[in-house]
């Protein structure tokens, strides 16, 4: 009669190796850990933020502000052709140029030309 196979968990060098079941449990634990990390990233990526494109700004006295009416023109500090600031939650994250959206000529968009680094340095 044949002898039943016994799994020898000790390696030839005398150190204990993990059984296949233990290795599978370790892989499952690692995968669950990594999946948890990705789930947290997914949750962060779904947070809505407010994005604005700043064409320019102006500083005027309140008296002049009160005089503004329909058709009034307020000169901005940016000139035609200068890059506009792309602001997310109050922080400049990029700069770009205003473009007309191809699908609908009545809408504008921004073509990004520069991504602003963490210290305000541009990374083109």
PDB file of N, CA and C in Angstrom:
ATOM      1  N   UNK A   1       0.838  -1.180   0.000  1.00  0.00           N
ATOM      2  CA  UNK A   1       0.000   0.000   0.000  1.00  0.00           C
ATOM      3  C   UNK A   1       0.878   1.236   0.000  1.00  0.00           C
ATOM      4  N   UNK A   2       0.483   2.260  -0.736  1.00  0.00           N
ATOM      5  CA  UNK A   2       1.281   3.474  -0.857  1.00  0.00           C
ATOM      6  C   UNK A   2       1.145   4.314   0.396  1.00  0.00           C
ATOM      7  N   UNK A   3       2.229   4.948   0.760  1.00  0.00           N
ATOM      8  CA  UNK A   3       2.230   5.834   1.919  1.00  0.00           C
ATOM      9  C   UNK A   3       1.610   7.188   1.525  1.00  0.00           C
ATOM     10  N   UNK A   4       0.809   7.798   2.381  1.00  0.00           N
ATOM     11  CA  UNK A   4       0.254   9.121   2.083  1.00  0.00           C
ATOM     12  C   UNK A   4       1.389  10.146   2.045  1.00  0.00           C
ATOM     13  N   UNK A   5       1.252  11.156   1.139  1.00  0.00           N
ATOM     14  CA  UNK A   5       2.266  12.195   1.006  1.00  0.00           C
ATOM     15  C   UNK A   5       2.157  13.149   2.172  1.00  0.00           C
ATOM     16  N   UNK A   6       3.268  13.405   2.828  1.00  0.00           N
ATOM     17  CA  UNK A   6       3.296  14.380   3.917  1.00  0.00           C
ATOM     18  C   UNK A   6       4.042  15.610   3.438  1.00  0.00           C
ATOM     19  N   UNK A   7       3.450  16.804   3.635  1.00  0.00           N
ATOM     20  CA  UNK A   7       4.079  18.054   3.222  1.00  0.00           C
ATOM     21  C   UNK A   7       5.159  18.394   4.219  1.00  0.00           C
ATOM     22  N   UNK A   8       6.392  18.566   3.757  1.00  0.00           N
ATOM     23  CA  UNK A   8       7.512  18.933   4.619  1.00  0.00           C
ATOM     24  C   UNK A   8       7.688  20.438   4.511  1.00  0.00           C
ATOM     25  N   UNK A   9       7.369  21.170   5.574  1.00  0.00           N
ATOM     26  CA  UNK A   9       7.421  22.624   5.525  1.00  0.00           C
ATOM     27  C   UNK A   9       8.830  23.161   5.757  1.00  0.00           C
ATOM     28  N   UNK A  10       9.781  22.325   6.065  1.00  0.00           N
ATOM     29  CA  UNK A  10      11.149  22.797   6.275  1.00  0.00           C
ATOM     30  C   UNK A  10      11.914  22.687   4.967  1.00  0.00           C
ATOM     31  N   UNK A  11      12.670  23.729   4.666  1.00  0.00           N
ATOM     32  CA  UNK A  11      13.477  23.690   3.446  1.00  0.00           C
ATOM     33  C   UNK A  11      14.761  22.937   3.712  1.00  0.00           C
ATOM     34  N   UNK A  12      15.531  22.745   2.676  1.00  0.00           N
ATOM     35  CA  UNK A  12      16.781  21.994   2.790  1.00  0.00           C
ATOM     36  C   UNK A  12      17.762  22.699   3.706  1.00  0.00           C
ATOM     37  N   UNK A  13      17.666  24.039   3.803  1.00  0.00           N
ATOM     38  CA  UNK A  13      18.605  24.768   4.651  1.00  0.00           C
ATOM     39  C   UNK A  13      18.174  24.779   6.106  1.00  0.00           C
ATOM     40  N   UNK A  14      17.037  24.225   6.405  1.00  0.00           N
ATOM     41  CA  UNK A  14      16.569  24.151   7.781  1.00  0.00           C
ATOM     42  C   UNK A  14      15.614  25.272   8.149  1.00  0.00           C
ATOM     43  N   UNK A  15      15.445  26.293   7.262  1.00  0.00           N
ATOM     44  CA  UNK A  15      14.517  27.378   7.561  1.00  0.00           C
ATOM     45  C   UNK A  15      13.117  26.972   7.144  1.00  0.00           C
ATOM     46  N   UNK A  16      12.125  27.395   7.898  1.00  0.00           N
ATOM     47  CA  UNK A  16      10.740  27.037   7.598  1.00  0.00           C
ATOM     48  C   UNK A  16      10.218  27.883   6.445  1.00  0.00           C
ATOM     49  N   UNK A  17       9.611  27.236   5.459  1.00  0.00           N
ATOM     50  CA  UNK A  17       8.949  27.936   4.364  1.00  0.00           C
ATOM     51  C   UNK A  17       7.477  28.014   4.682  1.00  0.00           C
ATOM     52  N   UNK A  18       6.836  29.027   4.117  1.00  0.00           N
ATOM     53  CA  UNK A  18       5.398  29.148   4.317  1.00  0.00           C
ATOM     54  C   UNK A  18       4.694  28.119   3.453  1.00  0.00           C
ATOM     55  N   UNK A  19       3.653  27.566   4.003  1.00  0.00           N
ATOM     56  CA  UNK A  19       2.862  26.615   3.236  1.00  0.00           C
ATOM     57  C   UNK A  19       2.128  27.366   2.134  1.00  0.00           C
ATOM     58  N   UNK A  20       1.667  26.674   1.106  1.00  0.00           N
ATOM     59  CA  UNK A  20       0.917  27.353   0.040  1.00  0.00           C
ATOM     60  C   UNK A  20      -0.289  28.109   0.580  1.00  0.00           C
ATOM     61  N   UNK A  21      -0.945  27.549   1.603  1.00  0.00           N
ATOM     62  CA  UNK A  21      -2.095  28.220   2.191  1.00  0.00           C
ATOM     63  C   UNK A  21      -1.680  29.518   2.867  1.00  0.00           C
ATOM     64  N   UNK A  22      -0.553  29.480   3.563  1.00  0.00           N
ATOM     65  CA  UNK A  22      -0.062  30.680   4.239  1.00  0.00           C
ATOM     66  C   UNK A  22       0.352  31.736   3.211  1.00  0.00           C
ATOM     67  N   UNK A  23       0.992  31.291   2.122  1.00  0.00           N
ATOM     68  CA  UNK A  23       1.360  32.239   1.067  1.00  0.00           C
ATOM     69  C   UNK A  23       0.128  32.855   0.426  1.00  0.00           C
ATOM     70  N   UNK A  24      -0.901  32.064   0.195  1.00  0.00           N
ATOM     71  CA  UNK A  24      -2.145  32.566  -0.380  1.00  0.00           C
ATOM     72  C   UNK A  24      -2.791  33.581   0.564  1.00  0.00           C
ATOM     73  N   UNK A  25      -2.786  33.296   1.855  1.00  0.00           N
ATOM     74  CA  UNK A  25      -3.353  34.228   2.837  1.00  0.00           C
ATOM     75  C   UNK A  25      -2.569  35.537   2.842  1.00  0.00           C
ATOM     76  N   UNK A  26      -1.250  35.451   2.715  1.00  0.00           N
ATOM     77  CA  UNK A  26      -0.413  36.643   2.700  1.00  0.00           C
ATOM     78  C   UNK A  26      -0.700  37.483   1.453  1.00  0.00           C
ATOM     79  N   UNK A  27      -0.837  36.828   0.310  1.00  0.00           N
ATOM     80  CA  UNK A  27      -1.155  37.539  -0.935  1.00  0.00           C
ATOM     81  C   UNK A  27      -2.522  38.198  -0.832  1.00  0.00           C
ATOM     82  N   UNK A  28      -3.483  37.490  -0.268  1.00  0.00           N
ATOM     83  CA  UNK A  28      -4.827  38.046  -0.113  1.00  0.00           C
ATOM     84  C   UNK A  28      -4.802  39.262   0.802  1.00  0.00           C
ATOM     85  N   UNK A  29      -4.026  39.209   1.883  1.00  0.00           N
ATOM     86  CA  UNK A  29      -3.931  40.334   2.808  1.00  0.00           C
ATOM     87  C   UNK A  29      -3.294  41.535   2.119  1.00  0.00           C
ATOM     88  N   UNK A  30      -2.220  41.273   1.353  1.00  0.00           N
ATOM     89  CA  UNK A  30      -1.556  42.357   0.634  1.00  0.00           C
ATOM     90  C   UNK A  30      -2.492  42.980  -0.395  1.00  0.00           C
ATOM     91  N   UNK A  31      -3.222  42.151  -1.107  1.00  0.00           N
ATOM     92  CA  UNK A  31      -4.155  42.652  -2.119  1.00  0.00           C
ATOM     93  C   UNK A  31      -5.251  43.491  -1.471  1.00  0.00           C
ATOM     94  N   UNK A  32      -5.775  43.035  -0.339  1.00  0.00           N
ATOM     95  CA  UNK A  32      -6.808  43.791   0.366  1.00  0.00           C
ATOM     96  C   UNK A  32      -6.255  45.134   0.830  1.00  0.00           C
ATOM     97  N   UNK A  33      -5.014  45.131   1.283  1.00  0.00           N
ATOM     98  CA  UNK A  33      -4.365  46.364   1.731  1.00  0.00           C
ATOM     99  C   UNK A  33      -4.228  47.341   0.566  1.00  0.00           C
ATOM    100  N   UNK A  34      -3.746  46.835  -0.579  1.00  0.00           N
ATOM    101  CA  UNK A  34      -3.570  47.688  -1.746  1.00  0.00           C
ATOM    102  C   UNK A  34      -4.908  48.160  -2.293  1.00  0.00           C
ATOM    103  N   UNK A  35      -5.896  47.293  -2.286  1.00  0.00           N
ATOM    104  CA  UNK A  35      -7.227  47.677  -2.754  1.00  0.00           C
ATOM    105  C   UNK A  35      -7.785  48.776  -1.879  1.00  0.00           C
ATOM    106  N   UNK A  36      -7.542  48.681  -0.579  1.00  0.00           N
ATOM    107  CA  UNK A  36      -7.985  49.725   0.342  1.00  0.00           C
ATOM    108  C   UNK A  36      -7.329  51.046   0.025  1.00  0.00           C
ATOM    109  N   UNK A  37      -6.051  51.025  -0.327  1.00  0.00           N
ATOM    110  CA  UNK A  37      -5.348  52.250  -0.690  1.00  0.00           C
ATOM    111  C   UNK A  37      -5.959  52.845  -1.945  1.00  0.00           C
ATOM    112  N   UNK A  38      -6.234  52.009  -2.951  1.00  0.00           N
ATOM    113  CA  UNK A  38      -6.823  52.505  -4.182  1.00  0.00           C
ATOM    114  C   UNK A  38      -8.242  53.008  -3.934  1.00  0.00           C
ATOM    115  N   UNK A  39      -8.977  52.374  -3.041  1.00  0.00           N
ATOM    116  CA  UNK A  39     -10.331  52.823  -2.745  1.00  0.00           C
ATOM    117  C   UNK A  39     -10.279  54.219  -2.146  1.00  0.00           C
ATOM    118  N   UNK A  40      -9.289  54.504  -1.300  1.00  0.00           N
ATOM    119  CA  UNK A  40      -9.149  55.834  -0.721  1.00  0.00           C
ATOM    120  C   UNK A  40      -8.820  56.859  -1.806  1.00  0.00           C
ATOM    121  N   UNK A  41      -7.973  56.495  -2.748  1.00  0.00           N
ATOM    122  CA  UNK A  41      -7.636  57.393  -3.839  1.00  0.00           C
ATOM    123  C   UNK A  41      -8.869  57.658  -4.687  1.00  0.00           C
ATOM    124  N   UNK A  42      -9.658  56.632  -4.965  1.00  0.00           N
ATOM    125  CA  UNK A  42     -10.877  56.812  -5.746  1.00  0.00           C
ATOM    126  C   UNK A  42     -11.828  57.775  -5.049  1.00  0.00           C
ATOM    127  N   UNK A  43     -11.926  57.669  -3.728  1.00  0.00           N
ATOM    128  CA  UNK A  43     -12.796  58.570  -2.975  1.00  0.00           C
ATOM    129  C   UNK A  43     -12.306  60.010  -3.102  1.00  0.00           C
ATOM    130  N   UNK A  44     -11.005  60.201  -3.064  1.00  0.00           N
ATOM    131  CA  UNK A  44     -10.440  61.546  -3.196  1.00  0.00           C
ATOM    132  C   UNK A  44     -10.669  62.083  -4.602  1.00  0.00           C
ATOM    133  N   UNK A  45     -10.510  61.233  -5.610  1.00  0.00           N
ATOM    134  CA  UNK A  45     -10.664  61.671  -6.995  1.00  0.00           C
ATOM    135  C   UNK A  45     -12.096  62.079  -7.326  1.00  0.00           C
ATOM    136  N   UNK A  46     -13.074  61.670  -6.509  1.00  0.00           N
ATOM    137  CA  UNK A  46     -14.472  62.021  -6.754  1.00  0.00           C
ATOM    138  C   UNK A  46     -14.890  63.323  -6.066  1.00  0.00           C
ATOM    139  N   UNK A  47     -13.988  63.960  -5.308  1.00  0.00           N
ATOM    140  CA  UNK A  47     -14.328  65.201  -4.607  1.00  0.00           C
ATOM    141  C   UNK A  47     -14.451  66.335  -5.622  1.00  0.00           C
ATOM    142  N   UNK A  48     -15.589  67.025  -5.630  1.00  0.00           N
ATOM    143  CA  UNK A  48     -15.736  68.132  -6.584  1.00  0.00           C
ATOM    144  C   UNK A  48     -14.932  69.348  -6.136  1.00  0.00           C
ATOM    145  N   UNK A  49     -14.353  70.053  -7.091  1.00  0.00           N
ATOM    146  CA  UNK A  49     -13.616  71.284  -6.811  1.00  0.00           C
ATOM    147  C   UNK A  49     -14.151  72.380  -7.725  1.00  0.00           C
ATOM    148  N   UNK A  50     -13.961  73.622  -7.315  1.00  0.00           N
ATOM    149  CA  UNK A  50     -14.391  74.755  -8.117  1.00  0.00           C
ATOM    150  C   UNK A  50     -13.224  75.222  -8.967  1.00  0.00           C
ATOM    151  N   UNK A  51     -13.441  75.244 -10.277  1.00  0.00           N
ATOM    152  CA  UNK A  51     -12.404  75.677 -11.205  1.00  0.00           C
ATOM    153  C   UNK A  51     -12.850  76.971 -11.864  1.00  0.00           C
ATOM    154  N   UNK A  52     -11.943  77.942 -11.902  1.00  0.00           N
ATOM    155  CA  UNK A  52     -12.238  79.228 -12.515  1.00  0.00           C
ATOM    156  C   UNK A  52     -11.127  79.582 -13.488  1.00  0.00           C
ATOM    157  N   UNK A  53     -11.485  80.318 -14.519  1.00  0.00           N
ATOM    158  CA  UNK A  53     -10.504  80.877 -15.436  1.00  0.00           C
ATOM    159  C   UNK A  53     -10.577  82.385 -15.262  1.00  0.00           C
ATOM    160  N   UNK A  54      -9.472  82.964 -14.822  1.00  0.00           N
ATOM    161  CA  UNK A  54      -9.435  84.389 -14.520  1.00  0.00           C
ATOM    162  C   UNK A  54      -8.880  85.138 -15.727  1.00  0.00           C
ATOM    163  N   UNK A  55      -9.738  85.912 -16.357  1.00  0.00           N
ATOM    164  CA  UNK A  55      -9.331  86.694 -17.518  1.00  0.00           C
ATOM    165  C   UNK A  55      -8.523  87.914 -17.107  1.00  0.00           C
ATOM    166  N   UNK A  56      -8.712  88.359 -15.907  1.00  0.00           N
ATOM    167  CA  UNK A  56      -8.015  89.534 -15.404  1.00  0.00           C
ATOM    168  C   UNK A  56      -8.745  90.074 -14.202  1.00  0.00           C
ATOM    169  N   UNK A  57      -8.230  91.140 -13.652  1.00  0.00           N
ATOM    170  CA  UNK A  57      -8.879  91.754 -12.499  1.00  0.00           C
ATOM    171  C   UNK A  57      -8.705  93.269 -12.579  1.00  0.00           C
ATOM    172  N   UNK A  58      -9.461  93.970 -11.771  1.00  0.00           N
ATOM    173  CA  UNK A  58      -9.385  95.431 -11.732  1.00  0.00           C
ATOM    174  C   UNK A  58      -9.665  95.886 -10.312  1.00  0.00           C
ATOM    175  N   UNK A  59      -9.040  96.962  -9.924  1.00  0.00           N
ATOM    176  CA  UNK A  59      -9.292  97.581  -8.623  1.00  0.00           C
ATOM    177  C   UNK A  59      -9.876  98.960  -8.898  1.00  0.00           C
ATOM    178  N   UNK A  60     -11.091  99.163  -8.404  1.00  0.00           N
ATOM    179  CA  UNK A  60     -11.742 100.462  -8.604  1.00  0.00           C
ATOM    180  C   UNK A  60     -12.379 100.885  -7.288  1.00  0.00           C
ATOM    181  N   UNK A  61     -12.495 102.179  -7.076  1.00  0.00           N
ATOM    182  CA  UNK A  61     -13.151 102.667  -5.860  1.00  0.00           C
ATOM    183  C   UNK A  61     -14.644 102.322  -5.859  1.00  0.00           C
ATOM    184  N   UNK A  62     -15.212 102.202  -4.699  1.00  0.00           N
ATOM    185  CA  UNK A  62     -16.627 101.865  -4.559  1.00  0.00           C
ATOM    186  C   UNK A  62     -17.500 102.893  -5.277  1.00  0.00           C
ATOM    187  N   UNK A  63     -17.113 104.158  -5.227  1.00  0.00           N
ATOM    188  CA  UNK A  63     -17.907 105.205  -5.887  1.00  0.00           C
ATOM    189  C   UNK A  63     -18.021 104.916  -7.388  1.00  0.00           C
ATOM    190  N   UNK A  64     -16.889 104.502  -8.022  1.00  0.00           N
ATOM    191  CA  UNK A  64     -16.936 104.183  -9.449  1.00  0.00           C
ATOM    192  C   UNK A  64     -17.722 102.898  -9.700  1.00  0.00           C
ATOM    193  N   UNK A  65     -17.641 101.939  -8.776  1.00  0.00           N
ATOM    194  CA  UNK A  65     -18.398 100.689  -8.892  1.00  0.00           C
ATOM    195  C   UNK A  65     -19.891 100.983  -8.892  1.00  0.00           C
ATOM    196  N   UNK A  66     -20.316 101.927  -8.045  1.00  0.00           N
ATOM    197  CA  UNK A  66     -21.733 102.274  -7.950  1.00  0.00           C
ATOM    198  C   UNK A  66     -22.246 102.954  -9.218  1.00  0.00           C
ATOM    199  N   UNK A  67     -21.344 103.567  -9.981  1.00  0.00           N
ATOM    200  CA  UNK A  67     -21.726 104.269 -11.210  1.00  0.00           C
ATOM    201  C   UNK A  67     -21.837 103.334 -12.413  1.00  0.00           C
ATOM    202  N   UNK A  68     -21.367 102.088 -12.268  1.00  0.00           N
ATOM    203  CA  UNK A  68     -21.384 101.157 -13.401  1.00  0.00           C
ATOM    204  C   UNK A  68     -22.817 100.811 -13.775  1.00  0.00           C
ATOM    205  N   UNK A  69     -23.044 100.734 -15.048  1.00  0.00           N
ATOM    206  CA  UNK A  69     -24.363 100.355 -15.545  1.00  0.00           C
ATOM    207  C   UNK A  69     -24.213  99.476 -16.766  1.00  0.00           C
ATOM    208  N   UNK A  70     -25.336  99.185 -17.373  1.00  0.00           N
ATOM    209  CA  UNK A  70     -25.336  98.331 -18.559  1.00  0.00           C
ATOM    210  C   UNK A  70     -24.468  98.969 -19.652  1.00  0.00           C
ATOM    211  N   UNK A  71     -23.579  98.152 -20.239  1.00  0.00           N
ATOM    212  CA  UNK A  71     -22.708  98.630 -21.305  1.00  0.00           C
ATOM    213  C   UNK A  71     -21.396  99.217 -20.815  1.00  0.00           C
ATOM    214  N   UNK A  72     -21.230  99.358 -19.506  1.00  0.00           N
ATOM    215  CA  UNK A  72     -19.970  99.906 -18.985  1.00  0.00           C
ATOM    216  C   UNK A  72     -18.834  98.920 -19.243  1.00  0.00           C
ATOM    217  N   UNK A  73     -17.663  99.454 -19.506  1.00  0.00           N
ATOM    218  CA  UNK A  73     -16.483  98.630 -19.749  1.00  0.00           C
ATOM    219  C   UNK A  73     -15.515  98.836 -18.607  1.00  0.00           C
ATOM    220  N   UNK A  74     -15.103  97.729 -17.996  1.00  0.00           N
ATOM    221  CA  UNK A  74     -14.128  97.786 -16.915  1.00  0.00           C
ATOM    222  C   UNK A  74     -12.816  97.234 -17.454  1.00  0.00           C
ATOM    223  N   UNK A  75     -11.780  98.061 -17.572  1.00  0.00           N
ATOM    224  CA  UNK A  75     -10.501  97.566 -18.086  1.00  0.00           C
ATOM    225  C   UNK A  75      -9.847  96.610 -17.087  1.00  0.00           C
ATOM    226  N   UNK A  76      -9.337  95.493 -17.600  1.00  0.00           N
ATOM    227  CA  UNK A  76      -8.694  94.496 -16.760  1.00  0.00           C
ATOM    228  C   UNK A  76      -7.177  94.628 -16.846  1.00  0.00           C
ATOM    229  N   UNK A  77      -6.471  94.009 -15.911  1.00  0.00           N
ATOM    230  CA  UNK A  77      -5.016  94.114 -15.889  1.00  0.00           C
ATOM    231  C   UNK A  77      -4.332  93.198 -16.900  1.00  0.00           C
ATOM    232  N   UNK A  78      -5.048  92.245 -17.492  1.00  0.00           N
ATOM    233  CA  UNK A  78      -4.473  91.381 -18.523  1.00  0.00           C
ATOM    234  C   UNK A  78      -4.720  91.988 -19.894  1.00  0.00           C
ATOM    235  N   UNK A  79      -3.778  91.813 -20.779  1.00  0.00           N
ATOM    236  CA  UNK A  79      -3.924  92.303 -22.150  1.00  0.00           C
ATOM    237  C   UNK A  79      -4.319  91.137 -23.069  1.00  0.00           C
ATOM    238  N   UNK A  80      -4.831  91.473 -24.237  1.00  0.00           N
ATOM    239  CA  UNK A  80      -5.194  90.463 -25.222  1.00  0.00           C
ATOM    240  C   UNK A  80      -3.941  89.665 -25.587  1.00  0.00           C
ATOM    241  N   UNK A  81      -4.075  88.325 -25.592  1.00  0.00           N
ATOM    242  CA  UNK A  81      -2.951  87.460 -25.934  1.00  0.00           C
ATOM    243  C   UNK A  81      -2.142  86.993 -24.732  1.00  0.00           C
ATOM    244  N   UNK A  82      -2.293  87.650 -23.582  1.00  0.00           N
ATOM    245  CA  UNK A  82      -1.593  87.190 -22.374  1.00  0.00           C
ATOM    246  C   UNK A  82      -2.287  85.940 -21.838  1.00  0.00           C
ATOM    247  N   UNK A  83      -1.520  85.050 -21.199  1.00  0.00           N
ATOM    248  CA  UNK A  83      -2.150  83.849 -20.650  1.00  0.00           C
ATOM    249  C   UNK A  83      -3.130  84.181 -19.525  1.00  0.00           C
ATOM    250  N   UNK A  84      -4.180  83.373 -19.437  1.00  0.00           N
ATOM    251  CA  UNK A  84      -5.152  83.515 -18.351  1.00  0.00           C
ATOM    252  C   UNK A  84      -4.795  82.517 -17.257  1.00  0.00           C
ATOM    253  N   UNK A  85      -5.182  82.828 -16.031  1.00  0.00           N
ATOM    254  CA  UNK A  85      -4.908  81.941 -14.897  1.00  0.00           C
ATOM    255  C   UNK A  85      -6.041  80.935 -14.740  1.00  0.00           C
ATOM    256  N   UNK A  86      -5.686  79.673 -14.508  1.00  0.00           N
ATOM    257  CA  UNK A  86      -6.657  78.630 -14.187  1.00  0.00           C
ATOM    258  C   UNK A  86      -6.535  78.398 -12.688  1.00  0.00           C
ATOM    259  N   UNK A  87      -7.625  78.649 -11.976  1.00  0.00           N
ATOM    260  CA  UNK A  87      -7.623  78.628 -10.517  1.00  0.00           C
ATOM    261  C   UNK A  87      -8.534  77.502 -10.038  1.00  0.00           C
ATOM    262  N   UNK A  88      -8.028  76.659  -9.133  1.00  0.00           N
ATOM    263  CA  UNK A  88      -8.822  75.599  -8.531  1.00  0.00           C
ATOM    264  C   UNK A  88      -8.837  75.820  -7.028  1.00  0.00           C
ATOM    265  N   UNK A  89     -10.021  75.987  -6.489  1.00  0.00           N
ATOM    266  CA  UNK A  89     -10.210  76.243  -5.058  1.00  0.00           C
ATOM    267  C   UNK A  89      -9.307  77.369  -4.556  1.00  0.00           C
ATOM    268  N   UNK A  90      -9.220  78.445  -5.338  1.00  0.00           N
ATOM    269  CA  UNK A  90      -8.480  79.623  -4.909  1.00  0.00           C
ATOM    270  C   UNK A  90      -6.984  79.594  -5.176  1.00  0.00           C
ATOM    271  N   UNK A  91      -6.464  78.537  -5.766  1.00  0.00           N
ATOM    272  CA  UNK A  91      -5.020  78.426  -6.023  1.00  0.00           C
ATOM    273  C   UNK A  91      -4.775  78.292  -7.525  1.00  0.00           C
ATOM    274  N   UNK A  92      -3.815  79.087  -8.040  1.00  0.00           N
ATOM    275  CA  UNK A  92      -3.470  79.001  -9.459  1.00  0.00           C
ATOM    276  C   UNK A  92      -2.772  77.673  -9.705  1.00  0.00           C
ATOM    277  N   UNK A  93      -3.313  76.870 -10.630  1.00  0.00           N
ATOM    278  CA  UNK A  93      -2.735  75.563 -10.937  1.00  0.00           C
ATOM    279  C   UNK A  93      -2.175  75.505 -12.358  1.00  0.00           C
ATOM    280  N   UNK A  94      -2.615  76.447 -13.215  1.00  0.00           N
ATOM    281  CA  UNK A  94      -2.147  76.420 -14.602  1.00  0.00           C
ATOM    282  C   UNK A  94      -2.398  77.772 -15.238  1.00  0.00           C
ATOM    283  N   UNK A  95      -1.816  77.933 -16.414  1.00  0.00           N
ATOM    284  CA  UNK A  95      -2.080  79.104 -17.243  1.00  0.00           C
ATOM    285  C   UNK A  95      -2.381  78.613 -18.652  1.00  0.00           C
ATOM    286  N   UNK A  96      -3.130  79.407 -19.387  1.00  0.00           N
ATOM    287  CA  UNK A  96      -3.477  78.985 -20.734  1.00  0.00           C
ATOM    288  C   UNK A  96      -4.001  80.124 -21.558  1.00  0.00           C
ATOM    289  N   UNK A  97      -4.434  79.787 -22.747  1.00  0.00           N
ATOM    290  CA  UNK A  97      -4.991  80.795 -23.637  1.00  0.00           C
ATOM    291  C   UNK A  97      -6.437  80.458 -23.950  1.00  0.00           C
ATOM    292  N   UNK A  98      -7.225  81.499 -24.110  1.00  0.00           N
ATOM    293  CA  UNK A  98      -8.643  81.336 -24.403  1.00  0.00           C
ATOM    294  C   UNK A  98      -8.796  80.889 -25.853  1.00  0.00           C
ATOM    295  N   UNK A  99      -9.635  79.874 -26.063  1.00  0.00           N
ATOM    296  CA  UNK A  99      -9.896  79.357 -27.407  1.00  0.00           C
ATOM    297  C   UNK A  99     -11.398  79.213 -27.595  1.00  0.00           C
ATOM    298  N   UNK A 100     -11.820  79.159 -28.840  1.00  0.00           N
ATOM    299  CA  UNK A 100     -13.220  78.901 -29.160  1.00  0.00           C
ATOM    300  C   UNK A 100     -13.383  77.396 -29.277  1.00  0.00           C
ATOM    301  N   UNK A 101     -14.405  76.849 -28.620  1.00  0.00           N
ATOM    302  CA  UNK A 101     -14.658  75.412 -28.655  1.00  0.00           C
ATOM    303  C   UNK A 101     -15.105  75.039 -30.063  1.00  0.00           C
ATOM    304  N   UNK A 102     -14.449  74.030 -30.643  1.00  0.00           N
ATOM    305  CA  UNK A 102     -14.708  73.661 -32.035  1.00  0.00           C
ATOM    306  C   UNK A 102     -16.144  73.218 -32.293  1.00  0.00           C
ATOM    307  N   UNK A 103     -16.720  72.425 -31.369  1.00  0.00           N
ATOM    308  CA  UNK A 103     -18.056  71.878 -31.599  1.00  0.00           C
ATOM    309  C   UNK A 103     -19.134  72.951 -31.556  1.00  0.00           C
ATOM    310  N   UNK A 104     -18.885  74.019 -30.787  1.00  0.00           N
ATOM    311  CA  UNK A 104     -19.919  75.034 -30.578  1.00  0.00           C
ATOM    312  C   UNK A 104     -19.235  76.398 -30.548  1.00  0.00           C
ATOM    313  N   UNK A 105     -19.298  77.130 -31.641  1.00  0.00           N
ATOM    314  CA  UNK A 105     -18.588  78.408 -31.745  1.00  0.00           C
ATOM    315  C   UNK A 105     -19.078  79.467 -30.774  1.00  0.00           C
ATOM    316  N   UNK A 106     -20.141  79.206 -30.042  1.00  0.00           N
ATOM    317  CA  UNK A 106     -20.635  80.188 -29.082  1.00  0.00           C
ATOM    318  C   UNK A 106     -20.045  79.963 -27.689  1.00  0.00           C
ATOM    319  N   UNK A 107     -19.149  78.993 -27.553  1.00  0.00           N
ATOM    320  CA  UNK A 107     -18.555  78.694 -26.235  1.00  0.00           C
ATOM    321  C   UNK A 107     -17.044  78.855 -26.300  1.00  0.00           C
ATOM    322  N   UNK A 108     -16.483  79.215 -25.158  1.00  0.00           N
ATOM    323  CA  UNK A 108     -15.043  79.370 -25.032  1.00  0.00           C
ATOM    324  C   UNK A 108     -14.474  78.262 -24.174  1.00  0.00           C
ATOM    325  N   UNK A 109     -13.198  78.029 -24.313  1.00  0.00           N
ATOM    326  CA  UNK A 109     -12.473  77.071 -23.483  1.00  0.00           C
ATOM    327  C   UNK A 109     -11.087  77.622 -23.215  1.00  0.00           C
ATOM    328  N   UNK A 110     -10.274  76.837 -22.536  1.00  0.00           N
ATOM    329  CA  UNK A 110      -8.906  77.240 -22.237  1.00  0.00           C
ATOM    330  C   UNK A 110      -7.966  76.133 -22.684  1.00  0.00           C
ATOM    331  N   UNK A 111      -6.984  76.485 -23.463  1.00  0.00           N
ATOM    332  CA  UNK A 111      -5.932  75.551 -23.859  1.00  0.00           C
ATOM    333  C   UNK A 111      -4.765  75.774 -22.895  1.00  0.00           C
ATOM    334  N   UNK A 112      -4.456  74.749 -22.094  1.00  0.00           N
ATOM    335  CA  UNK A 112      -3.412  74.899 -21.083  1.00  0.00           C
ATOM    336  C   UNK A 112      -2.040  74.972 -21.744  1.00  0.00           C
ATOM    337  N   UNK A 113      -1.272  75.963 -21.353  1.00  0.00           N
ATOM    338  CA  UNK A 113       0.072  76.138 -21.892  1.00  0.00           C
ATOM    339  C   UNK A 113       1.148  75.943 -20.830  1.00  0.00           C
ATOM    340  N   UNK A 114       0.756  76.011 -19.565  1.00  0.00           N
ATOM    341  CA  UNK A 114       1.727  75.905 -18.477  1.00  0.00           C
ATOM    342  C   UNK A 114       1.038  75.351 -17.237  1.00  0.00           C
ATOM    343  N   UNK A 115       1.670  74.372 -16.608  1.00  0.00           N
ATOM    344  CA  UNK A 115       1.184  73.852 -15.328  1.00  0.00           C
ATOM    345  C   UNK A 115       2.058  74.462 -14.246  1.00  0.00           C
ATOM    346  N   UNK A 116       1.410  75.054 -13.248  1.00  0.00           N
ATOM    347  CA  UNK A 116       2.147  75.730 -12.187  1.00  0.00           C
ATOM    348  C   UNK A 116       2.569  74.700 -11.150  1.00  0.00           C
ATOM    349  N   UNK A 117       3.847  74.690 -10.814  1.00  0.00           N
ATOM    350  CA  UNK A 117       4.389  73.770  -9.819  1.00  0.00           C
ATOM    351  C   UNK A 117       3.963  74.134  -8.412  1.00  0.00           C
ATOM    352  N   UNK A 118       4.319  73.305  -7.425  1.00  0.00           N
ATOM    353  CA  UNK A 118       3.892  73.524  -6.047  1.00  0.00           C
ATOM    354  C   UNK A 118       4.396  74.828  -5.436  1.00  0.00           C
ATOM    355  N   UNK A 119       5.529  75.333  -5.901  1.00  0.00           N
ATOM    356  CA  UNK A 119       6.063  76.572  -5.349  1.00  0.00           C
ATOM    357  C   UNK A 119       5.786  77.770  -6.253  1.00  0.00           C
ATOM    358  N   UNK A 120       4.814  77.612  -7.158  1.00  0.00           N
ATOM    359  CA  UNK A 120       4.485  78.681  -8.076  1.00  0.00           C
ATOM    360  C   UNK A 120       5.385  78.742  -9.288  1.00  0.00           C
ATOM    361  N   UNK A 121       6.230  77.743  -9.466  1.00  0.00           N
ATOM    362  CA  UNK A 121       7.118  77.706 -10.627  1.00  0.00           C
ATOM    363  C   UNK A 121       6.402  77.007 -11.756  1.00  0.00           C
ATOM    364  N   UNK A 122       6.584  77.483 -12.968  1.00  0.00           N
ATOM    365  CA  UNK A 122       5.916  76.864 -14.119  1.00  0.00           C
ATOM    366  C   UNK A 122       6.652  75.636 -14.602  1.00  0.00           C
ATOM    367  N   UNK A 123       5.911  74.587 -14.936  1.00  0.00           N
ATOM    368  CA  UNK A 123       6.457  73.384 -15.536  1.00  0.00           C
ATOM    369  C   UNK A 123       5.821  73.217 -16.899  1.00  0.00           C
ATOM    370  N   UNK A 124       6.501  73.660 -17.935  1.00  0.00           N
ATOM    371  CA  UNK A 124       5.894  73.609 -19.260  1.00  0.00           C
ATOM    372  C   UNK A 124       6.109  72.288 -19.912  1.00  0.00           C
TER     373      UNK A 124
END
